[in-house]
N, C-alpha and C. Protein backbone atom coordinates (compact mmCIF):
# COMPACT_ATOMS: atom_id res chain seq x y z
N MET A 1 0.84 -1.18 0.00
CA MET A 1 0.00 0.00 0.00
C MET A 1 0.89 1.25 0.00
N SER A 2 0.54 2.23 -0.83
CA SER A 2 1.35 3.45 -0.89
C SER A 2 1.07 4.34 0.32
N LYS A 3 2.02 5.19 0.62
CA LYS A 3 1.90 6.10 1.75
C LYS A 3 0.87 7.18 1.44
N LYS A 4 0.33 7.76 2.54
CA LYS A 4 -0.65 8.85 2.42
C LYS A 4 -0.22 9.97 3.35
N SER A 5 -0.48 11.20 2.91
CA SER A 5 -0.15 12.38 3.67
C SER A 5 -1.34 13.33 3.60
N ALA A 6 -1.51 14.17 4.63
CA ALA A 6 -2.62 15.13 4.64
C ALA A 6 -2.16 16.43 5.28
N GLY A 7 -2.68 17.54 4.76
CA GLY A 7 -2.29 18.83 5.30
C GLY A 7 -3.32 19.92 5.04
N LEU A 8 -3.06 21.08 5.65
CA LEU A 8 -3.95 22.24 5.54
C LEU A 8 -3.21 23.44 5.00
N LEU A 9 -3.90 24.19 4.14
CA LEU A 9 -3.42 25.48 3.64
C LEU A 9 -4.24 26.55 4.34
N LEU A 10 -3.64 27.22 5.33
CA LEU A 10 -4.31 28.30 6.04
C LEU A 10 -4.14 29.57 5.23
N TYR A 11 -5.24 30.30 5.02
CA TYR A 11 -5.17 31.55 4.26
C TYR A 11 -5.95 32.64 4.98
N ARG A 12 -5.64 33.90 4.63
CA ARG A 12 -6.36 35.04 5.18
C ARG A 12 -6.34 36.17 4.18
N ASN A 13 -7.29 37.08 4.36
CA ASN A 13 -7.34 38.31 3.58
C ASN A 13 -6.80 39.41 4.48
N ASN A 14 -5.68 39.98 4.12
CA ASN A 14 -5.03 41.02 4.92
C ASN A 14 -5.07 42.31 4.12
N SER A 15 -6.06 43.15 4.41
CA SER A 15 -6.23 44.43 3.71
C SER A 15 -6.29 44.25 2.20
N GLY A 16 -7.06 43.26 1.76
CA GLY A 16 -7.24 43.02 0.34
C GLY A 16 -6.16 42.16 -0.30
N ARG A 17 -5.19 41.71 0.48
CA ARG A 17 -4.12 40.84 -0.04
C ARG A 17 -4.32 39.43 0.50
N LEU A 18 -4.28 38.45 -0.40
CA LEU A 18 -4.37 37.06 0.01
C LEU A 18 -3.01 36.63 0.56
N GLU A 19 -3.02 36.10 1.78
CA GLU A 19 -1.80 35.58 2.39
C GLU A 19 -2.03 34.12 2.77
N VAL A 20 -1.01 33.30 2.60
CA VAL A 20 -1.08 31.89 2.97
C VAL A 20 0.05 31.57 3.92
N MET A 21 -0.16 30.56 4.76
CA MET A 21 0.88 30.16 5.69
C MET A 21 1.53 28.88 5.18
N LEU A 22 2.84 28.94 4.97
CA LEU A 22 3.63 27.79 4.56
C LEU A 22 4.72 27.55 5.60
N VAL A 23 5.26 26.34 5.64
CA VAL A 23 6.31 25.98 6.59
C VAL A 23 7.45 25.30 5.85
N HIS A 24 8.61 25.28 6.48
CA HIS A 24 9.73 24.51 5.94
C HIS A 24 9.51 23.04 6.30
N PRO A 25 9.66 22.13 5.33
CA PRO A 25 9.52 20.71 5.66
C PRO A 25 10.57 20.30 6.70
N GLY A 26 10.21 19.36 7.55
CA GLY A 26 11.14 18.89 8.58
C GLY A 26 11.48 17.43 8.39
N GLY A 27 12.16 16.89 9.36
CA GLY A 27 12.52 15.48 9.33
C GLY A 27 13.86 15.24 8.67
N PRO A 28 14.34 14.00 8.75
CA PRO A 28 15.68 13.67 8.26
C PRO A 28 15.84 13.85 6.75
N LEU A 29 14.78 13.66 5.98
CA LEU A 29 14.88 13.83 4.53
C LEU A 29 15.27 15.25 4.15
N TRP A 30 14.80 16.23 4.94
CA TRP A 30 15.03 17.63 4.60
C TRP A 30 16.20 18.25 5.36
N ALA A 31 16.83 17.52 6.25
CA ALA A 31 17.95 18.06 7.03
C ALA A 31 19.06 18.53 6.10
N GLY A 32 19.46 19.77 6.26
CA GLY A 32 20.56 20.31 5.46
C GLY A 32 20.19 20.64 4.02
N LYS A 33 18.90 20.62 3.69
CA LYS A 33 18.46 20.92 2.33
C LYS A 33 18.21 22.42 2.17
N ASP A 34 17.85 22.80 0.98
CA ASP A 34 17.60 24.19 0.61
C ASP A 34 16.56 24.84 1.51
N GLU A 35 16.92 25.98 2.10
CA GLU A 35 15.99 26.71 2.96
C GLU A 35 14.88 27.37 2.15
N GLY A 36 14.98 27.36 0.82
CA GLY A 36 13.96 27.95 -0.03
C GLY A 36 12.77 27.04 -0.27
N ILE A 37 12.77 25.87 0.33
CA ILE A 37 11.68 24.92 0.14
C ILE A 37 10.58 25.21 1.16
N TRP A 38 9.35 25.37 0.68
CA TRP A 38 8.20 25.65 1.52
C TRP A 38 7.08 24.68 1.17
N SER A 39 6.21 24.40 2.13
CA SER A 39 5.10 23.47 1.93
C SER A 39 3.98 23.82 2.90
N ILE A 40 2.82 23.22 2.68
CA ILE A 40 1.77 23.33 3.69
C ILE A 40 2.14 22.41 4.85
N PRO A 41 1.70 22.73 6.07
CA PRO A 41 1.92 21.81 7.18
C PRO A 41 1.17 20.50 6.89
N LYS A 42 1.90 19.40 6.84
CA LYS A 42 1.28 18.11 6.52
C LYS A 42 2.12 16.98 7.08
N GLY A 43 1.56 15.79 7.05
CA GLY A 43 2.29 14.63 7.51
C GLY A 43 1.59 13.35 7.12
N GLU A 44 2.28 12.25 7.28
CA GLU A 44 1.74 10.94 6.91
C GLU A 44 0.73 10.45 7.94
N PHE A 45 -0.16 9.61 7.47
CA PHE A 45 -1.15 8.98 8.36
C PHE A 45 -1.47 7.60 7.81
N GLN A 46 -2.10 6.80 8.66
CA GLN A 46 -2.49 5.44 8.28
C GLN A 46 -3.95 5.21 8.63
N ASP A 47 -4.56 4.24 7.94
CA ASP A 47 -5.92 3.85 8.29
C ASP A 47 -5.92 3.34 9.72
N PRO A 48 -6.94 3.56 10.49
CA PRO A 48 -8.25 4.05 10.12
C PRO A 48 -8.41 5.57 10.26
N GLU A 49 -7.34 6.31 10.52
CA GLU A 49 -7.46 7.77 10.66
C GLU A 49 -7.96 8.37 9.35
N GLU A 50 -8.94 9.26 9.46
CA GLU A 50 -9.49 9.93 8.28
C GLU A 50 -8.53 11.03 7.82
N PRO A 51 -8.46 11.28 6.51
CA PRO A 51 -7.52 12.29 5.99
C PRO A 51 -7.68 13.68 6.61
N LEU A 52 -8.92 14.17 6.76
CA LEU A 52 -9.10 15.51 7.34
C LEU A 52 -8.67 15.54 8.80
N ALA A 53 -8.96 14.49 9.55
CA ALA A 53 -8.52 14.43 10.94
C ALA A 53 -7.00 14.44 11.01
N ALA A 54 -6.35 13.73 10.10
CA ALA A 54 -4.89 13.71 10.06
C ALA A 54 -4.35 15.09 9.71
N ALA A 55 -4.98 15.77 8.75
CA ALA A 55 -4.54 17.11 8.35
C ALA A 55 -4.63 18.07 9.53
N ARG A 56 -5.73 18.02 10.26
CA ARG A 56 -5.90 18.90 11.42
C ARG A 56 -4.87 18.59 12.51
N ARG A 57 -4.65 17.30 12.76
CA ARG A 57 -3.66 16.89 13.78
C ARG A 57 -2.27 17.36 13.39
N GLU A 58 -1.88 17.10 12.15
CA GLU A 58 -0.54 17.49 11.69
C GLU A 58 -0.35 19.01 11.75
N PHE A 59 -1.39 19.76 11.36
CA PHE A 59 -1.31 21.22 11.40
C PHE A 59 -1.04 21.69 12.83
N GLU A 60 -1.79 21.15 13.78
CA GLU A 60 -1.60 21.56 15.17
C GLU A 60 -0.23 21.13 15.70
N GLU A 61 0.22 19.92 15.35
CA GLU A 61 1.54 19.46 15.79
C GLU A 61 2.65 20.36 15.26
N GLU A 62 2.53 20.80 14.01
CA GLU A 62 3.61 21.57 13.39
C GLU A 62 3.56 23.06 13.67
N THR A 63 2.38 23.60 14.01
CA THR A 63 2.27 25.05 14.20
C THR A 63 1.92 25.45 15.63
N GLY A 64 1.38 24.51 16.41
CA GLY A 64 0.92 24.85 17.75
C GLY A 64 -0.45 25.51 17.75
N MET A 65 -1.09 25.61 16.59
CA MET A 65 -2.41 26.24 16.46
C MET A 65 -3.45 25.18 16.10
N ALA A 66 -4.59 25.21 16.79
CA ALA A 66 -5.68 24.29 16.47
C ALA A 66 -6.52 24.91 15.36
N PRO A 67 -6.58 24.28 14.19
CA PRO A 67 -7.32 24.88 13.08
C PRO A 67 -8.83 24.75 13.27
N VAL A 68 -9.54 25.84 13.03
CA VAL A 68 -11.00 25.84 13.10
C VAL A 68 -11.54 26.58 11.89
N GLY A 69 -12.73 26.25 11.49
CA GLY A 69 -13.35 26.93 10.36
C GLY A 69 -13.95 25.96 9.38
N HIS A 70 -14.27 26.49 8.21
CA HIS A 70 -14.85 25.68 7.13
C HIS A 70 -13.70 25.15 6.28
N PHE A 71 -13.55 23.84 6.22
CA PHE A 71 -12.45 23.21 5.48
C PHE A 71 -12.89 22.93 4.05
N ILE A 72 -12.15 23.48 3.10
CA ILE A 72 -12.46 23.34 1.67
C ILE A 72 -11.53 22.30 1.09
N ALA A 73 -12.10 21.19 0.61
CA ALA A 73 -11.28 20.12 0.04
C ALA A 73 -10.62 20.59 -1.25
N LEU A 74 -9.32 20.38 -1.36
CA LEU A 74 -8.56 20.67 -2.57
C LEU A 74 -8.32 19.36 -3.30
N THR A 75 -7.86 19.44 -4.52
CA THR A 75 -7.61 18.23 -5.31
C THR A 75 -6.45 17.44 -4.71
N SER A 76 -6.63 16.13 -4.57
CA SER A 76 -5.55 15.26 -4.10
C SER A 76 -4.50 15.13 -5.20
N VAL A 77 -3.26 14.89 -4.79
CA VAL A 77 -2.15 14.77 -5.73
C VAL A 77 -1.38 13.49 -5.43
N ARG A 78 -1.06 12.74 -6.47
CA ARG A 78 -0.19 11.58 -6.29
C ARG A 78 1.21 11.99 -6.71
N GLN A 79 2.15 11.93 -5.77
CA GLN A 79 3.53 12.32 -6.04
C GLN A 79 4.24 11.22 -6.84
N PRO A 80 5.36 11.56 -7.51
CA PRO A 80 6.09 10.54 -8.28
C PRO A 80 6.46 9.30 -7.45
N SER A 81 6.63 9.47 -6.15
CA SER A 81 6.96 8.34 -5.27
C SER A 81 5.77 7.40 -5.07
N GLY A 82 4.58 7.85 -5.47
CA GLY A 82 3.37 7.06 -5.25
C GLY A 82 2.56 7.54 -4.07
N LYS A 83 3.15 8.41 -3.22
CA LYS A 83 2.42 8.91 -2.05
C LYS A 83 1.23 9.75 -2.51
N LEU A 84 0.08 9.55 -1.87
CA LEU A 84 -1.12 10.31 -2.15
C LEU A 84 -1.25 11.41 -1.10
N VAL A 85 -1.33 12.67 -1.55
CA VAL A 85 -1.39 13.82 -0.65
C VAL A 85 -2.78 14.44 -0.72
N PHE A 86 -3.45 14.52 0.44
CA PHE A 86 -4.75 15.16 0.57
C PHE A 86 -4.53 16.54 1.17
N ALA A 87 -5.33 17.53 0.74
CA ALA A 87 -5.17 18.88 1.29
C ALA A 87 -6.52 19.59 1.37
N TRP A 88 -6.61 20.48 2.34
CA TRP A 88 -7.78 21.33 2.53
C TRP A 88 -7.29 22.75 2.74
N ALA A 89 -8.12 23.72 2.33
CA ALA A 89 -7.86 25.12 2.63
C ALA A 89 -8.82 25.52 3.75
N VAL A 90 -8.36 26.40 4.62
CA VAL A 90 -9.21 26.91 5.69
C VAL A 90 -8.81 28.36 5.96
N GLU A 91 -9.81 29.22 6.08
CA GLU A 91 -9.53 30.62 6.36
C GLU A 91 -9.29 30.80 7.85
N GLY A 92 -8.28 31.58 8.19
CA GLY A 92 -7.99 31.84 9.59
C GLY A 92 -6.93 32.90 9.72
N ASP A 93 -6.80 33.44 10.90
CA ASP A 93 -5.79 34.47 11.14
C ASP A 93 -4.63 33.83 11.89
N PHE A 94 -3.47 34.41 11.75
CA PHE A 94 -2.29 33.87 12.42
C PHE A 94 -1.28 34.98 12.63
N ASP A 95 -0.49 34.82 13.67
CA ASP A 95 0.59 35.75 13.97
C ASP A 95 1.89 34.97 13.81
N PRO A 96 2.66 35.25 12.75
CA PRO A 96 3.90 34.50 12.53
C PRO A 96 4.84 34.53 13.73
N ALA A 97 4.75 35.55 14.56
CA ALA A 97 5.66 35.67 15.71
C ALA A 97 5.39 34.62 16.78
N VAL A 98 4.20 34.03 16.79
CA VAL A 98 3.88 33.07 17.85
C VAL A 98 3.83 31.63 17.35
N LEU A 99 4.21 31.39 16.12
CA LEU A 99 4.22 30.02 15.61
C LEU A 99 5.33 29.23 16.27
N LYS A 100 5.12 27.92 16.41
CA LYS A 100 6.12 27.02 16.97
C LYS A 100 7.36 26.98 16.12
């Protein structure tokens, strides 16, 4: 069975400008890699955990913020490795100074 990953794209309207929150990928695969790499907060999960529950859990683990709001399902993507990535967008406010 191929791996699965789930994550959230937090966005906000800041004085008419769309802003999104991205993070640097972590873990041993990314250690010492290009600091220019950004991604949505996400992580792997296994059955029976539901993809949206995994996305919310991973978001909170990586940012320290519990996501709330209306979650908009985005198109799933299968990466060249075979991993299936699920993603949702959710509107919310955030202060970069207080992120984990």
